[in-house]
């Protein structure tokens, strides 16, 4: 595996662990606000748009440089 593939795999595993942990916190009834916050932070980092007109995270559309 190339270094880029390993980095993508590790990032995916960290994101999966954060989403699972947030879901477990919400479903167990303990620390619900922390679970929701964890999922919101991960969603924002990945650029998941909660509503189409508010881009979040690093997947924002950028205008190409002029020229």
PDB file of N, CA and C in Angstrom:
ATOM      1  N   UNK A   1       0.839  -1.189   0.000  1.00  0.00           N
ATOM      2  CA  UNK A   1       0.000   0.000   0.000  1.00  0.00           C
ATOM      3  C   UNK A   1       0.879   1.247   0.000  1.00  0.00           C
ATOM      4  N   UNK A   2       0.403   2.239  -0.712  1.00  0.00           N
ATOM      5  CA  UNK A   2       1.103   3.515  -0.737  1.00  0.00           C
ATOM      6  C   UNK A   2       0.766   4.309   0.516  1.00  0.00           C
ATOM      7  N   UNK A   3       1.584   5.304   0.803  1.00  0.00           N
ATOM      8  CA  UNK A   3       1.395   6.126   1.996  1.00  0.00           C
ATOM      9  C   UNK A   3       0.047   6.852   1.959  1.00  0.00           C
ATOM     10  N   UNK A   4      -0.368   7.315   0.784  1.00  0.00           N
ATOM     11  CA  UNK A   4      -1.649   8.019   0.671  1.00  0.00           C
ATOM     12  C   UNK A   4      -2.814   7.093   0.988  1.00  0.00           C
ATOM     13  N   UNK A   5      -2.714   5.845   0.552  1.00  0.00           N
ATOM     14  CA  UNK A   5      -3.772   4.877   0.829  1.00  0.00           C
ATOM     15  C   UNK A   5      -3.849   4.555   2.318  1.00  0.00           C
ATOM     16  N   UNK A   6      -2.700   4.455   2.950  1.00  0.00           N
ATOM     17  CA  UNK A   6      -2.661   4.179   4.389  1.00  0.00           C
ATOM     18  C   UNK A   6      -3.252   5.351   5.165  1.00  0.00           C
ATOM     19  N   UNK A   7      -2.926   6.577   4.754  1.00  0.00           N
ATOM     20  CA  UNK A   7      -3.480   7.760   5.416  1.00  0.00           C
ATOM     21  C   UNK A   7      -4.994   7.814   5.263  1.00  0.00           C
ATOM     22  N   UNK A   8      -5.494   7.498   4.065  1.00  0.00           N
ATOM     23  CA  UNK A   8      -6.936   7.503   3.838  1.00  0.00           C
ATOM     24  C   UNK A   8      -7.618   6.428   4.683  1.00  0.00           C
ATOM     25  N   UNK A   9      -7.003   5.263   4.774  1.00  0.00           N
ATOM     26  CA  UNK A   9      -7.556   4.184   5.578  1.00  0.00           C
ATOM     27  C   UNK A   9      -7.609   4.561   7.050  1.00  0.00           C
ATOM     28  N   UNK A  10      -6.538   5.143   7.561  1.00  0.00           N
ATOM     29  CA  UNK A  10      -6.490   5.535   8.975  1.00  0.00           C
ATOM     30  C   UNK A  10      -7.509   6.640   9.262  1.00  0.00           C
ATOM     31  N   UNK A  11      -7.630   7.600   8.360  1.00  0.00           N
ATOM     32  CA  UNK A  11      -8.620   8.663   8.544  1.00  0.00           C
ATOM     33  C   UNK A  11     -10.025   8.079   8.555  1.00  0.00           C
ATOM     34  N   UNK A  12     -10.281   7.143   7.675  1.00  0.00           N
ATOM     35  CA  UNK A  12     -11.584   6.483   7.634  1.00  0.00           C
ATOM     36  C   UNK A  12     -11.886   5.730   8.910  1.00  0.00           C
ATOM     37  N   UNK A  13     -10.890   5.055   9.456  1.00  0.00           N
ATOM     38  CA  UNK A  13     -11.085   4.310  10.697  1.00  0.00           C
ATOM     39  C   UNK A  13     -11.347   5.246  11.878  1.00  0.00           C
ATOM     40  N   UNK A  14     -10.645   6.371  11.914  1.00  0.00           N
ATOM     41  CA  UNK A  14     -10.860   7.345  12.990  1.00  0.00           C
ATOM     42  C   UNK A  14     -12.266   7.927  12.898  1.00  0.00           C
ATOM     43  N   UNK A  15     -12.701   8.253  11.692  1.00  0.00           N
ATOM     44  CA  UNK A  15     -14.045   8.794  11.494  1.00  0.00           C
ATOM     45  C   UNK A  15     -15.093   7.762  11.889  1.00  0.00           C
ATOM     46  N   UNK A  16     -14.896   6.527  11.481  1.00  0.00           N
ATOM     47  CA  UNK A  16     -15.834   5.467  11.834  1.00  0.00           C
ATOM     48  C   UNK A  16     -15.910   5.286  13.347  1.00  0.00           C
ATOM     49  N   UNK A  17     -14.768   5.303  14.009  1.00  0.00           N
ATOM     50  CA  UNK A  17     -14.748   5.163  15.465  1.00  0.00           C
ATOM     51  C   UNK A  17     -15.455   6.325  16.145  1.00  0.00           C
ATOM     52  N   UNK A  18     -15.278   7.552  15.632  1.00  0.00           N
ATOM     53  CA  UNK A  18     -15.928   8.719  16.227  1.00  0.00           C
ATOM     54  C   UNK A  18     -17.440   8.656  16.053  1.00  0.00           C
ATOM     55  N   UNK A  19     -17.899   8.230  14.894  1.00  0.00           N
ATOM     56  CA  UNK A  19     -19.338   8.135  14.659  1.00  0.00           C
ATOM     57  C   UNK A  19     -19.950   7.033  15.516  1.00  0.00           C
ATOM     58  N   UNK A  20     -19.276   5.899  15.620  1.00  0.00           N
ATOM     59  CA  UNK A  20     -19.777   4.807  16.459  1.00  0.00           C
ATOM     60  C   UNK A  20     -19.814   5.243  17.924  1.00  0.00           C
ATOM     61  N   UNK A  21     -18.766   5.906  18.383  1.00  0.00           N
ATOM     62  CA  UNK A  21     -18.732   6.353  19.782  1.00  0.00           C
ATOM     63  C   UNK A  21     -19.835   7.369  20.054  1.00  0.00           C
ATOM     64  N   UNK A  22     -20.043   8.306  19.144  1.00  0.00           N
ATOM     65  CA  UNK A  22     -21.115   9.287  19.321  1.00  0.00           C
ATOM     66  C   UNK A  22     -22.482   8.633  19.343  1.00  0.00           C
ATOM     67  N   UNK A  23     -22.689   7.652  18.472  1.00  0.00           N
ATOM     68  CA  UNK A  23     -23.963   6.943  18.434  1.00  0.00           C
ATOM     69  C   UNK A  23     -24.190   6.148  19.713  1.00  0.00           C
ATOM     70  N   UNK A  24     -23.151   5.500  20.210  1.00  0.00           N
ATOM     71  CA  UNK A  24     -23.276   4.744  21.461  1.00  0.00           C
ATOM     72  C   UNK A  24     -23.602   5.677  22.622  1.00  0.00           C
ATOM     73  N   UNK A  25     -22.967   6.835  22.677  1.00  0.00           N
ATOM     74  CA  UNK A  25     -23.261   7.797  23.741  1.00  0.00           C
ATOM     75  C   UNK A  25     -24.705   8.276  23.676  1.00  0.00           C
ATOM     76  N   UNK A  26     -25.201   8.510  22.464  1.00  0.00           N
ATOM     77  CA  UNK A  26     -26.577   8.977  22.314  1.00  0.00           C
ATOM     78  C   UNK A  26     -27.564   7.879  22.718  1.00  0.00           C
ATOM     79  N   UNK A  27     -27.339   6.667  22.226  1.00  0.00           N
ATOM     80  CA  UNK A  27     -28.269   5.570  22.499  1.00  0.00           C
ATOM     81  C   UNK A  27     -28.242   5.116  23.947  1.00  0.00           C
ATOM     82  N   UNK A  28     -27.105   5.237  24.604  1.00  0.00           N
ATOM     83  CA  UNK A  28     -27.018   4.796  25.989  1.00  0.00           C
ATOM     84  C   UNK A  28     -27.643   5.799  26.954  1.00  0.00           C
ATOM     85  N   UNK A  29     -27.854   7.013  26.495  1.00  0.00           N
ATOM     86  CA  UNK A  29     -28.477   8.027  27.333  1.00  0.00           C
ATOM     87  C   UNK A  29     -27.482   8.798  28.186  1.00  0.00           C
ATOM     88  N   UNK A  30     -26.232   8.411  28.159  1.00  0.00           N
ATOM     89  CA  UNK A  30     -25.190   9.120  28.909  1.00  0.00           C
ATOM     90  C   UNK A  30     -24.495  10.086  27.964  1.00  0.00           C
ATOM     91  N   UNK A  31     -24.252  11.276  28.419  1.00  0.00           N
ATOM     92  CA  UNK A  31     -23.494  12.267  27.647  1.00  0.00           C
ATOM     93  C   UNK A  31     -24.061  12.456  26.234  1.00  0.00           C
ATOM     94  N   UNK A  32     -25.356  12.675  26.142  1.00  0.00           N
ATOM     95  CA  UNK A  32     -25.991  12.835  24.835  1.00  0.00           C
ATOM     96  C   UNK A  32     -25.434  14.033  24.094  1.00  0.00           C
ATOM     97  N   UNK A  33     -25.192  15.136  24.808  1.00  0.00           N
ATOM     98  CA  UNK A  33     -24.675  16.339  24.140  1.00  0.00           C
ATOM     99  C   UNK A  33     -23.269  16.114  23.602  1.00  0.00           C
ATOM    100  N   UNK A  34     -22.477  15.342  24.307  1.00  0.00           N
ATOM    101  CA  UNK A  34     -21.130  15.041  23.822  1.00  0.00           C
ATOM    102  C   UNK A  34     -21.211  14.172  22.580  1.00  0.00           C
ATOM    103  N   UNK A  35     -22.110  13.212  22.563  1.00  0.00           N
ATOM    104  CA  UNK A  35     -22.284  12.351  21.389  1.00  0.00           C
ATOM    105  C   UNK A  35     -22.728  13.135  20.179  1.00  0.00           C
ATOM    106  N   UNK A  36     -23.700  14.027  20.376  1.00  0.00           N
ATOM    107  CA  UNK A  36     -24.169  14.857  19.264  1.00  0.00           C
ATOM    108  C   UNK A  36     -23.050  15.776  18.790  1.00  0.00           C
ATOM    109  N   UNK A  37     -22.327  16.376  19.725  1.00  0.00           N
ATOM    110  CA  UNK A  37     -21.210  17.249  19.354  1.00  0.00           C
ATOM    111  C   UNK A  37     -20.140  16.505  18.581  1.00  0.00           C
ATOM    112  N   UNK A  38     -19.850  15.290  19.005  1.00  0.00           N
ATOM    113  CA  UNK A  38     -18.836  14.487  18.318  1.00  0.00           C
ATOM    114  C   UNK A  38     -19.246  14.200  16.883  1.00  0.00           C
ATOM    115  N   UNK A  39     -20.491  13.831  16.688  1.00  0.00           N
ATOM    116  CA  UNK A  39     -20.970  13.544  15.333  1.00  0.00           C
ATOM    117  C   UNK A  39     -21.004  14.810  14.487  1.00  0.00           C
ATOM    118  N   UNK A  40     -21.393  15.947  15.071  1.00  0.00           N
ATOM    119  CA  UNK A  40     -21.434  17.206  14.316  1.00  0.00           C
ATOM    120  C   UNK A  40     -20.026  17.631  13.900  1.00  0.00           C
ATOM    121  N   UNK A  41     -19.071  17.477  14.796  1.00  0.00           N
ATOM    122  CA  UNK A  41     -17.693  17.847  14.462  1.00  0.00           C
ATOM    123  C   UNK A  41     -17.143  16.967  13.349  1.00  0.00           C
ATOM    124  N   UNK A  42     -17.389  15.682  13.426  1.00  0.00           N
ATOM    125  CA  UNK A  42     -16.914  14.769  12.380  1.00  0.00           C
ATOM    126  C   UNK A  42     -17.602  15.073  11.060  1.00  0.00           C
ATOM    127  N   UNK A  43     -18.905  15.335  11.094  1.00  0.00           N
ATOM    128  CA  UNK A  43     -19.630  15.660   9.867  1.00  0.00           C
ATOM    129  C   UNK A  43     -19.112  16.960   9.259  1.00  0.00           C
ATOM    130  N   UNK A  44     -18.817  17.935  10.093  1.00  0.00           N
ATOM    131  CA  UNK A  44     -18.274  19.194   9.583  1.00  0.00           C
ATOM    132  C   UNK A  44     -16.903  19.022   8.976  1.00  0.00           C
ATOM    133  N   UNK A  45     -16.098  18.190   9.582  1.00  0.00           N
ATOM    134  CA  UNK A  45     -14.752  17.958   9.055  1.00  0.00           C
ATOM    135  C   UNK A  45     -14.804  17.274   7.694  1.00  0.00           C
ATOM    136  N   UNK A  46     -15.706  16.350   7.545  1.00  0.00           N
ATOM    137  CA  UNK A  46     -15.790  15.625   6.274  1.00  0.00           C
ATOM    138  C   UNK A  46     -16.475  16.422   5.180  1.00  0.00           C
ATOM    139  N   UNK A  47     -17.153  17.487   5.547  1.00  0.00           N
ATOM    140  CA  UNK A  47     -17.828  18.289   4.538  1.00  0.00           C
ATOM    141  C   UNK A  47     -19.200  17.765   4.204  1.00  0.00           C
ATOM    142  N   UNK A  48     -19.806  17.018   5.113  1.00  0.00           N
ATOM    143  CA  UNK A  48     -21.169  16.566   4.880  1.00  0.00           C
ATOM    144  C   UNK A  48     -22.071  17.772   5.054  1.00  0.00           C
ATOM    145  N   UNK A  49     -22.826  18.077   4.030  1.00  0.00           N
ATOM    146  CA  UNK A  49     -23.701  19.247   4.088  1.00  0.00           C
ATOM    147  C   UNK A  49     -24.983  18.866   4.818  1.00  0.00           C
ATOM    148  N   UNK A  50     -25.214  19.502   5.953  1.00  0.00           N
ATOM    149  CA  UNK A  50     -26.441  19.242   6.682  1.00  0.00           C
ATOM    150  C   UNK A  50     -27.634  19.832   5.944  1.00  0.00           C
ATOM    151  N   UNK A  51     -27.428  20.940   5.296  1.00  0.00           N
ATOM    152  CA  UNK A  51     -28.405  21.527   4.384  1.00  0.00           C
ATOM    153  C   UNK A  51     -27.626  21.960   3.152  1.00  0.00           C
ATOM    154  N   UNK A  52     -28.207  21.854   1.986  1.00  0.00           N
ATOM    155  CA  UNK A  52     -27.425  22.062   0.751  1.00  0.00           C
ATOM    156  C   UNK A  52     -26.808  23.447   0.601  1.00  0.00           C
ATOM    157  N   UNK A  53     -27.390  24.470   1.201  1.00  0.00           N
ATOM    158  CA  UNK A  53     -26.867  25.820   0.992  1.00  0.00           C
ATOM    159  C   UNK A  53     -25.858  26.245   2.047  1.00  0.00           C
ATOM    160  N   UNK A  54     -25.486  25.373   2.973  1.00  0.00           N
ATOM    161  CA  UNK A  54     -24.455  25.682   3.959  1.00  0.00           C
ATOM    162  C   UNK A  54     -23.343  24.645   3.835  1.00  0.00           C
ATOM    163  N   UNK A  55     -22.311  24.916   3.036  1.00  0.00           N
ATOM    164  CA  UNK A  55     -21.227  23.952   2.905  1.00  0.00           C
ATOM    165  C   UNK A  55     -20.367  23.934   4.168  1.00  0.00           C
ATOM    166  N   UNK A  56     -20.038  22.754   4.625  1.00  0.00           N
ATOM    167  CA  UNK A  56     -19.223  22.598   5.816  1.00  0.00           C
ATOM    168  C   UNK A  56     -17.944  21.847   5.468  1.00  0.00           C
ATOM    169  N   UNK A  57     -16.961  21.977   6.299  1.00  0.00           N
ATOM    170  CA  UNK A  57     -15.747  21.164   6.177  1.00  0.00           C
ATOM    171  C   UNK A  57     -14.841  21.578   5.050  1.00  0.00           C
ATOM    172  N   UNK A  58     -14.058  20.637   4.616  1.00  0.00           N
ATOM    173  CA  UNK A  58     -13.026  20.939   3.624  1.00  0.00           C
ATOM    174  C   UNK A  58     -13.489  20.734   2.197  1.00  0.00           C
ATOM    175  N   UNK A  59     -14.696  20.240   1.957  1.00  0.00           N
ATOM    176  CA  UNK A  59     -15.193  19.992   0.607  1.00  0.00           C
ATOM    177  C   UNK A  59     -16.016  21.154   0.091  1.00  0.00           C
ATOM    178  N   UNK A  60     -15.602  22.359   0.408  1.00  0.00           N
ATOM    179  CA  UNK A  60     -16.328  23.527  -0.067  1.00  0.00           C
ATOM    180  C   UNK A  60     -15.942  23.807  -1.511  1.00  0.00           C
ATOM    181  N   UNK A  61     -16.923  24.294  -2.264  1.00  0.00           N
ATOM    182  CA  UNK A  61     -16.652  24.646  -3.657  1.00  0.00           C
ATOM    183  C   UNK A  61     -15.822  25.915  -3.682  1.00  0.00           C
ATOM    184  N   UNK A  62     -14.789  25.901  -4.479  1.00  0.00           N
ATOM    185  CA  UNK A  62     -13.908  27.068  -4.604  1.00  0.00           C
ATOM    186  C   UNK A  62     -13.909  27.523  -6.066  1.00  0.00           C
ATOM    187  N   UNK A  63     -13.870  28.828  -6.239  1.00  0.00           N
ATOM    188  CA  UNK A  63     -13.760  29.368  -7.579  1.00  0.00           C
ATOM    189  C   UNK A  63     -12.343  29.177  -8.080  1.00  0.00           C
ATOM    190  N   UNK A  64     -12.199  28.822  -9.363  1.00  0.00           N
ATOM    191  CA  UNK A  64     -10.844  28.693  -9.895  1.00  0.00           C
ATOM    192  C   UNK A  64     -10.155  30.052  -9.954  1.00  0.00           C
ATOM    193  N   UNK A  65      -8.850  30.080  -9.784  1.00  0.00           N
ATOM    194  CA  UNK A  65      -8.142  31.378  -9.835  1.00  0.00           C
ATOM    195  C   UNK A  65      -8.286  32.007 -11.219  1.00  0.00           C
ATOM    196  N   UNK A  66      -8.389  33.331 -11.256  1.00  0.00           N
ATOM    197  CA  UNK A  66      -8.534  33.992 -12.569  1.00  0.00           C
ATOM    198  C   UNK A  66      -7.269  33.836 -13.406  1.00  0.00           C
ATOM    199  N   UNK A  67      -7.502  33.715 -14.699  1.00  0.00           N
ATOM    200  CA  UNK A  67      -6.344  33.662 -15.588  1.00  0.00           C
ATOM    201  C   UNK A  67      -6.242  32.430 -16.271  1.00  0.00           C
TER     202      UNK A  67
END
